[in-house]
Amino acid sequence: MIAFLFTPVGRYVAIGIIVFMAAAGAYWKIRADAVAEIEAAAQADVLRRTQNALTAGDAIGTSPDKLREPDGNARD
């Protein structure tokens, strides 16, 4: 096998394998980075929505005196 690498054809095969492995590694790295970026964006969106829901929930009046007051929604 080692002797094959010293032939002209063997050199081209070895260069081809090296180029293929480098391209495949770059592809997998770019793909992994893109997946991580999408997951981070989704996580940030979930955190933003949760924070907005908590903020909106804190603004609700929970006093028993205002329980029957209309809140201005279409069902009223």
Protein backbone atom coordinates (compact mmCIF):
# COMPACT_ATOMS: atom_id res chain seq x y z
CA MET A 1 0.00 0.00 0.00
CA ILE A 2 2.78 2.43 0.87
CA ALA A 3 4.56 1.61 -2.39
CA PHE A 4 1.37 2.57 -4.27
CA LEU A 5 1.61 6.10 -2.88
CA PHE A 6 4.99 6.58 -4.55
CA THR A 7 3.58 5.91 -8.02
CA PRO A 8 2.18 8.81 -10.10
CA VAL A 9 -1.34 7.40 -9.95
CA GLY A 10 -1.03 6.77 -6.22
CA ARG A 11 -0.11 10.40 -5.59
CA TYR A 12 -3.22 11.60 -7.39
CA VAL A 13 -5.38 9.12 -5.50
CA ALA A 14 -3.89 10.24 -2.19
CA ILE A 15 -4.39 13.92 -3.08
CA GLY A 16 -7.97 13.16 -4.11
CA ILE A 17 -8.66 11.39 -0.82
CA ILE A 18 -7.15 14.26 1.17
CA VAL A 19 -9.19 16.85 -0.76
CA PHE A 20 -12.37 14.80 -0.31
CA MET A 21 -11.79 14.40 3.43
CA ALA A 22 -11.10 18.14 3.83
CA ALA A 23 -14.27 19.03 1.92
CA ALA A 24 -16.34 16.54 3.93
CA GLY A 25 -14.92 17.89 7.20
CA ALA A 26 -15.70 21.46 6.18
CA TYR A 27 -19.25 20.43 5.21
CA TRP A 28 -19.87 18.70 8.54
CA LYS A 29 -18.42 21.64 10.47
CA ILE A 30 -20.56 24.18 8.61
CA ARG A 31 -23.64 21.99 9.04
CA ALA A 32 -23.02 21.54 12.77
CA ASP A 33 -22.54 25.30 13.21
CA ALA A 34 -25.77 26.01 11.32
CA VAL A 35 -27.73 23.55 13.44
CA ALA A 36 -26.32 25.07 16.63
CA GLU A 37 -27.20 28.56 15.40
CA ILE A 38 -30.79 27.55 14.58
CA GLU A 39 -31.19 25.83 17.96
CA ALA A 40 -29.81 28.91 19.75
CA ALA A 41 -32.23 31.16 17.87
CA ALA A 42 -35.14 28.87 18.75
CA GLN A 43 -34.08 28.83 22.39
CA ALA A 44 -33.82 32.63 22.44
CA ASP A 45 -37.30 32.86 20.92
CA VAL A 46 -38.70 30.55 23.59
CA LEU A 47 -37.04 32.58 26.34
CA ARG A 48 -38.36 35.83 24.83
CA ARG A 49 -41.90 34.43 24.60
CA THR A 50 -41.73 33.10 28.15
CA GLN A 51 -40.51 36.44 29.45
CA ASN A 52 -43.28 38.26 27.58
CA ALA A 53 -45.87 35.86 29.02
CA LEU A 54 -44.54 36.37 32.53
CA THR A 55 -44.54 40.13 32.07
CA ALA A 56 -48.11 40.06 30.76
CA GLY A 57 -49.16 37.79 33.61
CA ASP A 58 -47.70 40.16 36.19
CA ALA A 59 -49.76 43.01 34.72
CA ILE A 60 -53.05 41.20 35.34
CA GLY A 61 -55.04 42.51 38.25
CA THR A 62 -55.73 39.61 40.59
CA SER A 63 -57.72 41.53 43.13
CA PRO A 64 -60.98 39.73 44.07
CA ASP A 65 -62.83 43.07 43.80
CA LYS A 66 -62.12 43.27 40.07
CA LEU A 67 -62.95 39.64 39.27
CA ARG A 68 -66.25 40.39 37.47
CA GLU A 69 -65.12 43.53 35.63
CA PRO A 70 -64.99 43.29 31.83
CA ASP A 71 -61.49 43.18 30.46
CA GLY A 72 -62.30 44.66 27.03
CA ASN A 73 -62.01 41.48 25.00
CA ALA A 74 -64.51 40.63 22.23
CA ARG A 75 -66.34 38.05 24.33
CA ASP A 76 -67.61 40.75 26.73
